[in-house]
Each structure stands twice: as structure tokens, then as C-alpha cells.
């Protein structure tokens, strides 16, 4: 695993995490079930800070997924958690469902 990248844009990192999450059907279904999002919601709002924050919260709630995602994206799990915090603090965040 690569050391933490210093220029990770939280939204870009979260979008990469969303793509990784959706890459496995069971995990994608679990994301939809837990968040209440639909496939249509994801297509329409994939760049929405609320959806991205919800994706990172989903990963943080299941540590094996968080670690696997971080490894796949070549970042530290802490980088994903930090991106989550930054997205949640964003002024333009709203409801995701």
C-alpha cells in the first residue's frame, strides 16, 4: 500500500471508493439497502457530497470493506475516514435519500 497521498480531493477519493464499492454485487446491494439509495439515485447524484459521505460512512461501518477499499485505491483507511469527515463538514451537504 502506498503512503498517504497529500493532494487527495475528498470528493474524488470518495467517488473512487463508490466505484470500488459498486464493483462487487453483494456489497453494492448492501450499500443500497443501508443508505436507501436506488440505482437511479446513484446515477443522478454520484457527485453529491451527501452521497459520497454516505458511501464512506458505509465503508467505515464495516472495517474489512474499509481496509480492502483503501488497499485497492492505494491509500490508507485513515485517508478515507478523513475524506468522510471533510465531506460531512461541507457547507453544501444535504440529505442523501
N, C-alpha and C. Protein backbone atom coordinates (compact mmCIF):
# COMPACT_ATOMS: atom_id res chain seq x y z
N UNK A 1 0.84 -1.18 0.00
CA UNK A 1 0.00 0.00 0.00
C UNK A 1 0.89 1.24 0.00
N UNK A 2 0.50 2.19 -0.79
CA UNK A 2 1.22 3.45 -0.92
C UNK A 2 0.97 4.32 0.31
N UNK A 3 1.92 5.17 0.63
CA UNK A 3 1.73 6.12 1.73
C UNK A 3 0.62 7.09 1.37
N UNK A 4 0.09 7.74 2.37
CA UNK A 4 -1.00 8.69 2.17
C UNK A 4 -0.64 9.72 1.11
N UNK A 5 -1.59 9.97 0.23
CA UNK A 5 -1.40 11.00 -0.78
C UNK A 5 -1.81 12.33 -0.18
N UNK A 6 -1.00 13.34 -0.36
CA UNK A 6 -1.28 14.61 0.29
C UNK A 6 -2.27 15.47 -0.48
N UNK A 7 -2.48 15.21 -1.76
CA UNK A 7 -3.37 16.05 -2.55
C UNK A 7 -4.70 15.37 -2.87
N UNK A 8 -5.13 14.42 -2.06
CA UNK A 8 -6.40 13.75 -2.32
C UNK A 8 -7.55 14.71 -2.10
N UNK A 9 -8.29 14.97 -3.17
CA UNK A 9 -9.53 15.71 -3.06
C UNK A 9 -10.55 14.77 -2.42
N UNK A 10 -11.21 15.18 -1.34
CA UNK A 10 -12.14 14.28 -0.65
C UNK A 10 -13.24 13.74 -1.57
N UNK A 11 -13.78 14.58 -2.43
CA UNK A 11 -14.85 14.13 -3.33
C UNK A 11 -14.32 13.13 -4.35
N UNK A 12 -13.13 13.40 -4.87
CA UNK A 12 -12.54 12.47 -5.85
C UNK A 12 -12.24 11.12 -5.20
N UNK A 13 -11.68 11.14 -4.01
CA UNK A 13 -11.39 9.90 -3.30
C UNK A 13 -12.68 9.15 -2.99
N UNK A 14 -13.70 9.86 -2.55
CA UNK A 14 -14.98 9.21 -2.24
C UNK A 14 -15.62 8.64 -3.49
N UNK A 15 -15.50 9.32 -4.61
CA UNK A 15 -16.05 8.80 -5.86
C UNK A 15 -15.33 7.52 -6.27
N UNK A 16 -14.03 7.50 -6.10
CA UNK A 16 -13.26 6.27 -6.37
C UNK A 16 -13.71 5.15 -5.44
N UNK A 17 -13.99 5.50 -4.18
CA UNK A 17 -14.47 4.49 -3.22
C UNK A 17 -15.87 3.99 -3.62
N UNK A 18 -16.70 4.88 -4.13
CA UNK A 18 -18.03 4.48 -4.59
C UNK A 18 -17.91 3.50 -5.75
N UNK A 19 -17.05 3.80 -6.70
CA UNK A 19 -16.85 2.89 -7.84
C UNK A 19 -16.37 1.54 -7.34
N UNK A 20 -15.43 1.54 -6.40
CA UNK A 20 -14.93 0.28 -5.85
C UNK A 20 -16.07 -0.47 -5.16
N UNK A 21 -16.88 0.22 -4.38
CA UNK A 21 -17.98 -0.39 -3.65
C UNK A 21 -18.97 -1.05 -4.61
N UNK A 22 -19.26 -0.38 -5.70
CA UNK A 22 -20.24 -0.89 -6.66
C UNK A 22 -19.68 -2.02 -7.52
N UNK A 23 -18.39 -2.25 -7.45
CA UNK A 23 -17.75 -3.28 -8.26
C UNK A 23 -18.06 -4.70 -7.84
N UNK A 24 -18.64 -4.90 -6.69
CA UNK A 24 -18.98 -6.23 -6.19
C UNK A 24 -20.48 -6.23 -5.90
N UNK A 25 -21.25 -7.05 -6.60
CA UNK A 25 -22.72 -7.00 -6.50
C UNK A 25 -23.29 -7.10 -5.08
N UNK A 26 -22.78 -8.00 -4.26
CA UNK A 26 -23.32 -8.13 -2.90
C UNK A 26 -23.06 -6.86 -2.08
N UNK A 27 -21.87 -6.32 -2.23
CA UNK A 27 -21.53 -5.10 -1.50
C UNK A 27 -22.36 -3.92 -2.03
N UNK A 28 -22.56 -3.85 -3.33
CA UNK A 28 -23.38 -2.78 -3.93
C UNK A 28 -24.81 -2.86 -3.41
N UNK A 29 -25.36 -4.06 -3.34
CA UNK A 29 -26.71 -4.24 -2.82
C UNK A 29 -26.79 -3.81 -1.37
N UNK A 30 -25.78 -4.16 -0.60
CA UNK A 30 -25.75 -3.77 0.81
C UNK A 30 -25.70 -2.25 0.95
N UNK A 31 -24.92 -1.57 0.10
CA UNK A 31 -24.86 -0.11 0.12
C UNK A 31 -26.25 0.48 -0.14
N UNK A 32 -26.93 -0.02 -1.16
CA UNK A 32 -28.26 0.47 -1.46
C UNK A 32 -29.23 0.22 -0.31
N UNK A 33 -29.16 -0.98 0.26
CA UNK A 33 -30.05 -1.32 1.37
C UNK A 33 -29.80 -0.43 2.59
N UNK A 34 -28.54 -0.21 2.91
CA UNK A 34 -28.19 0.55 4.12
C UNK A 34 -28.51 2.04 3.96
N UNK A 35 -28.24 2.58 2.78
CA UNK A 35 -28.41 4.02 2.57
C UNK A 35 -29.81 4.40 2.10
N UNK A 36 -30.54 3.45 1.55
CA UNK A 36 -31.85 3.77 1.00
C UNK A 36 -31.78 4.37 -0.40
N UNK A 37 -30.58 4.44 -0.95
CA UNK A 37 -30.40 4.95 -2.31
C UNK A 37 -30.88 3.91 -3.32
N UNK A 38 -31.22 4.37 -4.50
CA UNK A 38 -31.58 3.49 -5.61
C UNK A 38 -30.51 3.61 -6.68
N UNK A 39 -30.46 2.67 -7.61
CA UNK A 39 -29.51 2.82 -8.72
C UNK A 39 -29.70 4.15 -9.47
N UNK A 40 -30.94 4.58 -9.62
CA UNK A 40 -31.22 5.85 -10.28
C UNK A 40 -30.63 7.01 -9.49
N UNK A 41 -30.79 6.97 -8.15
CA UNK A 41 -30.19 8.00 -7.29
C UNK A 41 -28.69 8.07 -7.51
N UNK A 42 -28.05 6.91 -7.52
CA UNK A 42 -26.59 6.88 -7.67
C UNK A 42 -26.16 7.47 -9.01
N UNK A 43 -26.87 7.12 -10.07
CA UNK A 43 -26.50 7.67 -11.38
C UNK A 43 -26.68 9.18 -11.41
N UNK A 44 -27.75 9.66 -10.81
CA UNK A 44 -28.05 11.09 -10.86
C UNK A 44 -27.21 11.92 -9.89
N UNK A 45 -26.80 11.29 -8.77
CA UNK A 45 -26.19 12.08 -7.71
C UNK A 45 -24.82 11.54 -7.27
N UNK A 46 -24.14 10.87 -8.15
CA UNK A 46 -22.85 10.26 -7.79
C UNK A 46 -21.83 11.28 -7.31
N UNK A 47 -21.97 12.53 -7.73
CA UNK A 47 -21.01 13.55 -7.31
C UNK A 47 -21.53 14.40 -6.15
N UNK A 48 -22.68 14.06 -5.61
CA UNK A 48 -23.28 14.79 -4.49
C UNK A 48 -22.49 14.50 -3.21
N UNK A 49 -22.03 15.53 -2.51
CA UNK A 49 -21.26 15.30 -1.28
C UNK A 49 -21.99 14.42 -0.26
N UNK A 50 -23.31 14.51 -0.20
CA UNK A 50 -24.06 13.69 0.75
C UNK A 50 -23.98 12.21 0.37
N UNK A 51 -24.09 11.91 -0.91
CA UNK A 51 -23.99 10.53 -1.38
C UNK A 51 -22.58 10.01 -1.16
N UNK A 52 -21.60 10.83 -1.45
CA UNK A 52 -20.20 10.42 -1.26
C UNK A 52 -19.89 10.19 0.21
N UNK A 53 -20.39 11.07 1.08
CA UNK A 53 -20.19 10.89 2.52
C UNK A 53 -20.88 9.62 3.00
N UNK A 54 -22.07 9.35 2.48
CA UNK A 54 -22.80 8.14 2.86
C UNK A 54 -22.04 6.88 2.44
N UNK A 55 -21.40 6.95 1.27
CA UNK A 55 -20.59 5.82 0.81
C UNK A 55 -19.43 5.56 1.75
N UNK A 56 -18.74 6.61 2.15
CA UNK A 56 -17.61 6.44 3.06
C UNK A 56 -18.07 6.00 4.44
N UNK A 57 -19.20 6.48 4.89
CA UNK A 57 -19.75 6.02 6.18
C UNK A 57 -20.08 4.53 6.10
N UNK A 58 -20.63 4.11 4.99
CA UNK A 58 -20.93 2.70 4.76
C UNK A 58 -19.65 1.86 4.87
N UNK A 59 -18.58 2.30 4.25
CA UNK A 59 -17.32 1.57 4.31
C UNK A 59 -16.75 1.56 5.73
N UNK A 60 -16.84 2.69 6.41
CA UNK A 60 -16.31 2.77 7.77
C UNK A 60 -17.07 1.86 8.73
N UNK A 61 -18.33 1.60 8.44
CA UNK A 61 -19.14 0.76 9.32
C UNK A 61 -18.77 -0.72 9.22
N UNK A 62 -18.01 -1.09 8.19
CA UNK A 62 -17.58 -2.48 8.02
C UNK A 62 -16.09 -2.47 7.72
N UNK A 63 -15.29 -2.59 8.77
CA UNK A 63 -13.85 -2.43 8.65
C UNK A 63 -13.19 -3.27 7.56
N UNK A 64 -13.60 -4.53 7.36
CA UNK A 64 -12.96 -5.28 6.27
C UNK A 64 -13.14 -4.61 4.91
N UNK A 65 -14.30 -4.02 4.65
CA UNK A 65 -14.51 -3.30 3.39
C UNK A 65 -13.66 -2.04 3.35
N UNK A 66 -13.58 -1.33 4.45
CA UNK A 66 -12.78 -0.11 4.51
C UNK A 66 -11.32 -0.42 4.18
N UNK A 67 -10.80 -1.45 4.79
CA UNK A 67 -9.39 -1.82 4.56
C UNK A 67 -9.18 -2.30 3.12
N UNK A 68 -10.10 -3.12 2.62
CA UNK A 68 -9.97 -3.62 1.25
C UNK A 68 -10.06 -2.49 0.24
N UNK A 69 -10.95 -1.55 0.48
CA UNK A 69 -11.08 -0.40 -0.42
C UNK A 69 -9.81 0.44 -0.39
N UNK A 70 -9.31 0.71 0.79
CA UNK A 70 -8.08 1.51 0.91
C UNK A 70 -6.93 0.84 0.17
N UNK A 71 -6.81 -0.46 0.32
CA UNK A 71 -5.75 -1.18 -0.38
C UNK A 71 -5.93 -1.09 -1.89
N UNK A 72 -7.16 -1.25 -2.36
CA UNK A 72 -7.42 -1.19 -3.80
C UNK A 72 -7.13 0.19 -4.37
N UNK A 73 -7.41 1.23 -3.58
CA UNK A 73 -7.19 2.61 -4.04
C UNK A 73 -5.79 3.12 -3.73
N UNK A 74 -5.02 2.27 -3.04
CA UNK A 74 -3.65 2.61 -2.65
C UNK A 74 -3.58 3.85 -1.78
N UNK A 75 -4.48 3.90 -0.79
CA UNK A 75 -4.47 4.94 0.22
C UNK A 75 -4.60 4.26 1.58
N UNK A 76 -4.48 5.03 2.63
CA UNK A 76 -4.66 4.48 3.97
C UNK A 76 -6.14 4.54 4.33
N UNK A 77 -6.62 3.64 5.18
CA UNK A 77 -8.00 3.74 5.66
C UNK A 77 -8.28 5.10 6.29
N UNK A 78 -7.27 5.66 6.93
CA UNK A 78 -7.41 6.98 7.55
C UNK A 78 -7.71 8.06 6.52
N UNK A 79 -7.20 7.88 5.30
CA UNK A 79 -7.47 8.85 4.24
C UNK A 79 -8.95 8.84 3.86
N UNK A 80 -9.54 7.66 3.83
CA UNK A 80 -10.97 7.55 3.54
C UNK A 80 -11.78 8.16 4.67
N UNK A 81 -11.39 7.90 5.91
CA UNK A 81 -12.10 8.48 7.06
C UNK A 81 -11.98 10.00 7.06
N UNK A 82 -10.82 10.50 6.72
CA UNK A 82 -10.62 11.95 6.66
C UNK A 82 -11.48 12.58 5.57
N UNK A 83 -11.54 11.92 4.42
CA UNK A 83 -12.38 12.42 3.33
C UNK A 83 -13.85 12.44 3.76
N UNK A 84 -14.25 11.43 4.51
CA UNK A 84 -15.62 11.38 5.02
C UNK A 84 -15.91 12.59 5.91
N UNK A 85 -15.00 12.85 6.83
CA UNK A 85 -15.19 14.00 7.73
C UNK A 85 -15.25 15.31 6.95
N UNK A 86 -14.37 15.46 5.98
CA UNK A 86 -14.36 16.69 5.19
C UNK A 86 -15.65 16.86 4.39
N UNK A 87 -16.15 15.79 3.83
CA UNK A 87 -17.40 15.87 3.07
C UNK A 87 -18.58 16.18 3.98
N UNK A 88 -18.58 15.61 5.18
CA UNK A 88 -19.67 15.88 6.12
C UNK A 88 -19.65 17.33 6.59
N UNK A 89 -18.49 17.92 6.63
CA UNK A 89 -18.37 19.31 7.08
C UNK A 89 -18.63 20.30 5.95
N UNK A 90 -18.77 19.79 4.74
CA UNK A 90 -19.02 20.65 3.59
C UNK A 90 -20.31 21.42 3.78
N UNK A 91 -20.29 22.70 3.44
CA UNK A 91 -21.47 23.56 3.59
C UNK A 91 -22.62 23.12 2.71
N UNK A 92 -22.33 22.46 1.59
CA UNK A 92 -23.39 22.14 0.64
C UNK A 92 -23.90 20.71 0.77
N UNK A 93 -23.63 20.05 1.88
CA UNK A 93 -24.10 18.69 2.05
C UNK A 93 -25.57 18.70 2.43
N UNK A 94 -26.30 17.77 1.88
CA UNK A 94 -27.72 17.65 2.19
C UNK A 94 -28.06 16.20 2.47
N UNK A 95 -29.35 15.89 2.45
CA UNK A 95 -29.78 14.51 2.67
C UNK A 95 -29.40 13.67 1.46
N UNK A 96 -29.08 12.42 1.68
CA UNK A 96 -28.71 11.54 0.58
C UNK A 96 -29.85 10.68 0.14
N UNK A 97 -30.90 10.56 0.90
CA UNK A 97 -32.01 9.69 0.49
C UNK A 97 -33.24 10.52 0.22
